[in-house]
Amino acid sequence: MDRTGRVRSTVAMKITGHATDSMWRRYRIVDEDDIERAVTVTQEYVSQQAAAKREPKMVAMSERRS
């Protein structure tokens, strides 16, 4: 639940009945698809940031006056 960022783990533990953090972590299984999506999103972000740094920041004066 807390991987979505909407519900803190302490709240989720109360709802599910997990008494300790260790029990919560033991049964909190990570979905492989979620890991793959996270890596893809991260790679896209890094690529966009690198492309933004390569783009020229200058504008021709004729374009600027418009």
PDB file of N, CA and C in Angstrom:
ATOM      1  N   MET A   1       0.797  -1.197   0.000  1.00  0.00           N
ATOM      2  CA  MET A   1       0.000   0.000   0.000  1.00  0.00           C
ATOM      3  C   MET A   1       0.842   1.265   0.000  1.00  0.00           C
ATOM      4  N   ASP A   2       1.881   1.340   0.802  1.00  0.00           N
ATOM      5  CA  ASP A   2       2.618   2.589   0.897  1.00  0.00           C
ATOM      6  C   ASP A   2       3.482   2.857  -0.328  1.00  0.00           C
ATOM      7  N   ARG A   3       3.651   1.906  -1.224  1.00  0.00           N
ATOM      8  CA  ARG A   3       4.453   2.151  -2.428  1.00  0.00           C
ATOM      9  C   ARG A   3       3.764   3.135  -3.352  1.00  0.00           C
ATOM     10  N   THR A   4       2.466   3.330  -3.198  1.00  0.00           N
ATOM     11  CA  THR A   4       1.749   4.318  -4.010  1.00  0.00           C
ATOM     12  C   THR A   4       1.950   5.709  -3.462  1.00  0.00           C
ATOM     13  N   GLY A   5       2.397   5.811  -2.220  1.00  0.00           N
ATOM     14  CA  GLY A   5       2.588   7.102  -1.600  1.00  0.00           C
ATOM     15  C   GLY A   5       1.323   7.671  -1.004  1.00  0.00           C
ATOM     16  N   ARG A   6       0.250   6.942  -1.039  1.00  0.00           N
ATOM     17  CA  ARG A   6      -1.014   7.459  -0.535  1.00  0.00           C
ATOM     18  C   ARG A   6      -1.296   7.055   0.905  1.00  0.00           C
ATOM     19  N   VAL A   7      -0.776   5.919   1.316  1.00  0.00           N
ATOM     20  CA  VAL A   7      -1.038   5.436   2.671  1.00  0.00           C
ATOM     21  C   VAL A   7       0.287   5.089   3.324  1.00  0.00           C
ATOM     22  N   ARG A   8       0.533   5.646   4.493  1.00  0.00           N
ATOM     23  CA  ARG A   8       1.769   5.322   5.213  1.00  0.00           C
ATOM     24  C   ARG A   8       1.722   3.880   5.696  1.00  0.00           C
ATOM     25  N   SER A   9       2.893   3.284   5.857  1.00  0.00           N
ATOM     26  CA  SER A   9       2.957   1.885   6.268  1.00  0.00           C
ATOM     27  C   SER A   9       2.341   1.669   7.649  1.00  0.00           C
ATOM     28  N   THR A  10       2.467   2.645   8.538  1.00  0.00           N
ATOM     29  CA  THR A  10       1.882   2.477   9.874  1.00  0.00           C
ATOM     30  C   THR A  10       0.360   2.364   9.808  1.00  0.00           C
ATOM     31  N   VAL A  11      -0.247   3.122   8.915  1.00  0.00           N
ATOM     32  CA  VAL A  11      -1.702   3.053   8.737  1.00  0.00           C
ATOM     33  C   VAL A  11      -2.090   1.718   8.113  1.00  0.00           C
ATOM     34  N   ALA A  12      -1.349   1.322   7.086  1.00  0.00           N
ATOM     35  CA  ALA A  12      -1.629   0.041   6.433  1.00  0.00           C
ATOM     36  C   ALA A  12      -1.471  -1.122   7.410  1.00  0.00           C
ATOM     37  N   MET A  13      -0.477  -1.038   8.291  1.00  0.00           N
ATOM     38  CA  MET A  13      -0.270  -2.096   9.284  1.00  0.00           C
ATOM     39  C   MET A  13      -1.466  -2.207  10.226  1.00  0.00           C
ATOM     40  N   LYS A  14      -2.028  -1.079  10.606  1.00  0.00           N
ATOM     41  CA  LYS A  14      -3.218  -1.089  11.474  1.00  0.00           C
ATOM     42  C   LYS A  14      -4.384  -1.781  10.766  1.00  0.00           C
ATOM     43  N   ILE A  15      -4.563  -1.458   9.492  1.00  0.00           N
ATOM     44  CA  ILE A  15      -5.667  -2.029   8.726  1.00  0.00           C
ATOM     45  C   ILE A  15      -5.497  -3.537   8.549  1.00  0.00           C
ATOM     46  N   THR A  16      -4.282  -3.968   8.205  1.00  0.00           N
ATOM     47  CA  THR A  16      -4.049  -5.384   7.921  1.00  0.00           C
ATOM     48  C   THR A  16      -3.784  -6.224   9.160  1.00  0.00           C
ATOM     49  N   GLY A  17      -3.522  -5.568  10.281  1.00  0.00           N
ATOM     50  CA  GLY A  17      -3.303  -6.316  11.515  1.00  0.00           C
ATOM     51  C   GLY A  17      -1.870  -6.734  11.771  1.00  0.00           C
ATOM     52  N   HIS A  18      -0.923  -6.205  11.023  1.00  0.00           N
ATOM     53  CA  HIS A  18       0.490  -6.504  11.265  1.00  0.00           C
ATOM     54  C   HIS A  18       0.927  -5.754  12.520  1.00  0.00           C
ATOM     55  N   ALA A  19       1.443  -6.498  13.490  1.00  0.00           N
ATOM     56  CA  ALA A  19       1.798  -5.905  14.777  1.00  0.00           C
ATOM     57  C   ALA A  19       3.181  -5.260  14.788  1.00  0.00           C
ATOM     58  N   THR A  20       4.091  -5.763  13.958  1.00  0.00           N
ATOM     59  CA  THR A  20       5.461  -5.244  13.982  1.00  0.00           C
ATOM     60  C   THR A  20       5.927  -4.913  12.560  1.00  0.00           C
ATOM     61  N   ASP A  21       6.961  -4.066  12.493  1.00  0.00           N
ATOM     62  CA  ASP A  21       7.548  -3.728  11.192  1.00  0.00           C
ATOM     63  C   ASP A  21       8.123  -4.957  10.502  1.00  0.00           C
ATOM     64  N   SER A  22       8.721  -5.846  11.276  1.00  0.00           N
ATOM     65  CA  SER A  22       9.334  -7.032  10.667  1.00  0.00           C
ATOM     66  C   SER A  22       8.283  -7.927  10.002  1.00  0.00           C
ATOM     67  N   MET A  23       7.112  -8.045  10.603  1.00  0.00           N
ATOM     68  CA  MET A  23       6.039  -8.842   9.988  1.00  0.00           C
ATOM     69  C   MET A  23       5.529  -8.141   8.724  1.00  0.00           C
ATOM     70  N   TRP A  24       5.421  -6.824   8.774  1.00  0.00           N
ATOM     71  CA  TRP A  24       4.981  -6.059   7.606  1.00  0.00           C
ATOM     72  C   TRP A  24       5.944  -6.269   6.440  1.00  0.00           C
ATOM     73  N   ARG A  25       7.244  -6.137   6.716  1.00  0.00           N
ATOM     74  CA  ARG A  25       8.246  -6.305   5.667  1.00  0.00           C
ATOM     75  C   ARG A  25       8.270  -7.737   5.147  1.00  0.00           C
ATOM     76  N   ARG A  26       8.044  -8.688   6.004  1.00  0.00           N
ATOM     77  CA  ARG A  26       8.094 -10.094   5.604  1.00  0.00           C
ATOM     78  C   ARG A  26       7.031 -10.423   4.555  1.00  0.00           C
ATOM     79  N   TYR A  27       5.868  -9.841   4.696  1.00  0.00           N
ATOM     80  CA  TYR A  27       4.768 -10.155   3.788  1.00  0.00           C
ATOM     81  C   TYR A  27       4.534  -9.099   2.712  1.00  0.00           C
ATOM     82  N   ARG A  28       5.326  -8.081   2.712  1.00  0.00           N
ATOM     83  CA  ARG A  28       5.206  -7.043   1.686  1.00  0.00           C
ATOM     84  C   ARG A  28       6.032  -7.469   0.482  1.00  0.00           C
ATOM     85  N   ILE A  29       5.385  -8.111  -0.461  1.00  0.00           N
ATOM     86  CA  ILE A  29       6.056  -8.677  -1.627  1.00  0.00           C
ATOM     87  C   ILE A  29       6.079  -7.633  -2.742  1.00  0.00           C
ATOM     88  N   VAL A  30       7.230  -7.484  -3.365  1.00  0.00           N
ATOM     89  CA  VAL A  30       7.402  -6.513  -4.430  1.00  0.00           C
ATOM     90  C   VAL A  30       7.092  -7.186  -5.766  1.00  0.00           C
ATOM     91  N   ASP A  31       6.231  -6.553  -6.541  1.00  0.00           N
ATOM     92  CA  ASP A  31       5.858  -7.070  -7.845  1.00  0.00           C
ATOM     93  C   ASP A  31       6.968  -6.759  -8.846  1.00  0.00           C
ATOM     94  N   GLU A  32       7.397  -7.748  -9.600  1.00  0.00           N
ATOM     95  CA  GLU A  32       8.467  -7.571 -10.583  1.00  0.00           C
ATOM     96  C   GLU A  32       8.079  -6.551 -11.645  1.00  0.00           C
ATOM     97  N   ASP A  33       6.804  -6.497 -12.025  1.00  0.00           N
ATOM     98  CA  ASP A  33       6.350  -5.515 -13.008  1.00  0.00           C
ATOM     99  C   ASP A  33       6.525  -4.089 -12.482  1.00  0.00           C
ATOM    100  N   ASP A  34       6.299  -3.901 -11.181  1.00  0.00           N
ATOM    101  CA  ASP A  34       6.494  -2.583 -10.581  1.00  0.00           C
ATOM    102  C   ASP A  34       7.959  -2.166 -10.653  1.00  0.00           C
ATOM    103  N   ILE A  35       8.843  -3.097 -10.423  1.00  0.00           N
ATOM    104  CA  ILE A  35      10.285  -2.810 -10.495  1.00  0.00           C
ATOM    105  C   ILE A  35      10.661  -2.427 -11.925  1.00  0.00           C
ATOM    106  N   GLU A  36      10.164  -3.178 -12.894  1.00  0.00           N
ATOM    107  CA  GLU A  36      10.475  -2.899 -14.291  1.00  0.00           C
ATOM    108  C   GLU A  36       9.955  -1.520 -14.705  1.00  0.00           C
ATOM    109  N   ARG A  37       8.720  -1.180 -14.279  1.00  0.00           N
ATOM    110  CA  ARG A  37       8.160   0.136 -14.598  1.00  0.00           C
ATOM    111  C   ARG A  37       8.991   1.248 -13.968  1.00  0.00           C
ATOM    112  N   ALA A  38       9.421   1.052 -12.735  1.00  0.00           N
ATOM    113  CA  ALA A  38      10.218   2.063 -12.046  1.00  0.00           C
ATOM    114  C   ALA A  38      11.547   2.298 -12.756  1.00  0.00           C
ATOM    115  N   VAL A  39      12.180   1.239 -13.212  1.00  0.00           N
ATOM    116  CA  VAL A  39      13.450   1.375 -13.930  1.00  0.00           C
ATOM    117  C   VAL A  39      13.228   2.083 -15.260  1.00  0.00           C
ATOM    118  N   THR A  40      12.156   1.743 -15.963  1.00  0.00           N
ATOM    119  CA  THR A  40      11.850   2.382 -17.241  1.00  0.00           C
ATOM    120  C   THR A  40      11.607   3.874 -17.065  1.00  0.00           C
ATOM    121  N   VAL A  41      10.812   4.242 -16.069  1.00  0.00           N
ATOM    122  CA  VAL A  41      10.518   5.655 -15.814  1.00  0.00           C
ATOM    123  C   VAL A  41      11.793   6.409 -15.458  1.00  0.00           C
ATOM    124  N   THR A  42      12.636   5.791 -14.653  1.00  0.00           N
ATOM    125  CA  THR A  42      13.895   6.421 -14.256  1.00  0.00           C
ATOM    126  C   THR A  42      14.804   6.624 -15.461  1.00  0.00           C
ATOM    127  N   GLN A  43      14.903   5.619 -16.321  1.00  0.00           N
ATOM    128  CA  GLN A  43      15.736   5.738 -17.515  1.00  0.00           C
ATOM    129  C   GLN A  43      15.225   6.840 -18.439  1.00  0.00           C
ATOM    130  N   GLU A  44      13.906   6.931 -18.602  1.00  0.00           N
ATOM    131  CA  GLU A  44      13.334   7.983 -19.439  1.00  0.00           C
ATOM    132  C   GLU A  44      13.642   9.363 -18.869  1.00  0.00           C
ATOM    133  N   TYR A  45      13.528   9.506 -17.560  1.00  0.00           N
ATOM    134  CA  TYR A  45      13.814  10.783 -16.903  1.00  0.00           C
ATOM    135  C   TYR A  45      15.277  11.187 -17.117  1.00  0.00           C
ATOM    136  N   VAL A  46      16.176  10.255 -16.913  1.00  0.00           N
ATOM    137  CA  VAL A  46      17.605  10.549 -17.068  1.00  0.00           C
ATOM    138  C   VAL A  46      17.905  10.933 -18.521  1.00  0.00           C
ATOM    139  N   SER A  47      17.301  10.245 -19.469  1.00  0.00           N
ATOM    140  CA  SER A  47      17.499  10.575 -20.887  1.00  0.00           C
ATOM    141  C   SER A  47      16.978  11.965 -21.207  1.00  0.00           C
ATOM    142  N   GLN A  48      15.817  12.320 -20.672  1.00  0.00           N
ATOM    143  CA  GLN A  48      15.249  13.649 -20.907  1.00  0.00           C
ATOM    144  C   GLN A  48      16.131  14.735 -20.319  1.00  0.00           C
ATOM    145  N   GLN A  49      16.667  14.495 -19.137  1.00  0.00           N
ATOM    146  CA  GLN A  49      17.538  15.485 -18.506  1.00  0.00           C
ATOM    147  C   GLN A  49      18.820  15.664 -19.309  1.00  0.00           C
ATOM    148  N   ALA A  50      19.368  14.568 -19.808  1.00  0.00           N
ATOM    149  CA  ALA A  50      20.585  14.656 -20.617  1.00  0.00           C
ATOM    150  C   ALA A  50      20.309  15.392 -21.919  1.00  0.00           C
ATOM    151  N   ALA A  51      19.166  15.140 -22.542  1.00  0.00           N
ATOM    152  CA  ALA A  51      18.810  15.827 -23.789  1.00  0.00           C
ATOM    153  C   ALA A  51      18.601  17.315 -23.549  1.00  0.00           C
ATOM    154  N   ALA A  52      18.005  17.663 -22.429  1.00  0.00           N
ATOM    155  CA  ALA A  52      17.765  19.073 -22.107  1.00  0.00           C
ATOM    156  C   ALA A  52      19.082  19.824 -21.932  1.00  0.00           C
ATOM    157  N   LYS A  53      20.086  19.172 -21.416  1.00  0.00           N
ATOM    158  CA  LYS A  53      21.386  19.813 -21.230  1.00  0.00           C
ATOM    159  C   LYS A  53      22.086  20.035 -22.560  1.00  0.00           C
ATOM    160  N   ARG A  54      21.803  19.173 -23.556  1.00  0.00           N
ATOM    161  CA  ARG A  54      22.445  19.295 -24.866  1.00  0.00           C
ATOM    162  C   ARG A  54      21.773  20.334 -25.747  1.00  0.00           C
ATOM    163  N   GLU A  55      20.514  20.667 -25.468  1.00  0.00           N
ATOM    164  CA  GLU A  55      19.786  21.620 -26.300  1.00  0.00           C
ATOM    165  C   GLU A  55      20.371  23.021 -26.118  1.00  0.00           C
ATOM    166  N   PRO A  56      20.532  23.741 -27.226  1.00  0.00           N
ATOM    167  CA  PRO A  56      21.066  25.109 -27.103  1.00  0.00           C
ATOM    168  C   PRO A  56      20.046  26.014 -26.418  1.00  0.00           C
ATOM    169  N   LYS A  57      20.536  26.932 -25.638  1.00  0.00           N
ATOM    170  CA  LYS A  57      19.682  27.859 -24.905  1.00  0.00           C
ATOM    171  C   LYS A  57      19.554  29.204 -25.631  1.00  0.00           C
ATOM    172  N   MET A  58      20.241  29.351 -26.760  1.00  0.00           N
ATOM    173  CA  MET A  58      20.233  30.619 -27.475  1.00  0.00           C
ATOM    174  C   MET A  58      19.065  30.672 -28.458  1.00  0.00           C
ATOM    175  N   VAL A  59      18.580  31.888 -28.676  1.00  0.00           N
ATOM    176  CA  VAL A  59      17.513  32.140 -29.636  1.00  0.00           C
ATOM    177  C   VAL A  59      17.990  33.229 -30.582  1.00  0.00           C
ATOM    178  N   ALA A  60      17.729  33.068 -31.850  1.00  0.00           N
ATOM    179  CA  ALA A  60      18.133  34.084 -32.829  1.00  0.00           C
ATOM    180  C   ALA A  60      17.424  35.387 -32.511  1.00  0.00           C
ATOM    181  N   MET A  61      18.113  36.515 -32.692  1.00  0.00           N
ATOM    182  CA  MET A  61      17.524  37.818 -32.365  1.00  0.00           C
ATOM    183  C   MET A  61      16.269  38.093 -33.171  1.00  0.00           C
ATOM    184  N   SER A  62      16.209  37.609 -34.412  1.00  0.00           N
ATOM    185  CA  SER A  62      15.022  37.818 -35.233  1.00  0.00           C
ATOM    186  C   SER A  62      13.819  37.079 -34.635  1.00  0.00           C
ATOM    187  N   GLU A  63      14.042  35.956 -34.032  1.00  0.00           N
ATOM    188  CA  GLU A  63      12.974  35.190 -33.398  1.00  0.00           C
ATOM    189  C   GLU A  63      12.554  35.850 -32.082  1.00  0.00           C
ATOM    190  N   ARG A  64      13.497  36.437 -31.397  1.00  0.00           N
ATOM    191  CA  ARG A  64      13.256  37.023 -30.091  1.00  0.00           C
ATOM    192  C   ARG A  64      12.327  38.227 -30.168  1.00  0.00           C
ATOM    193  N   ARG A  65      12.436  39.000 -31.218  1.00  0.00           N
ATOM    194  CA  ARG A  65      11.617  40.206 -31.362  1.00  0.00           C
ATOM    195  C   ARG A  65      10.156  39.883 -31.635  1.00  0.00           C
ATOM    196  N   SER A  66       9.870  38.741 -32.141  1.00  0.00           N
ATOM    197  CA  SER A  66       8.495  38.387 -32.501  1.00  0.00           C
ATOM    198  C   SER A  66       7.608  38.236 -31.312  1.00  0.00           C
TER     199      SER A  66
END
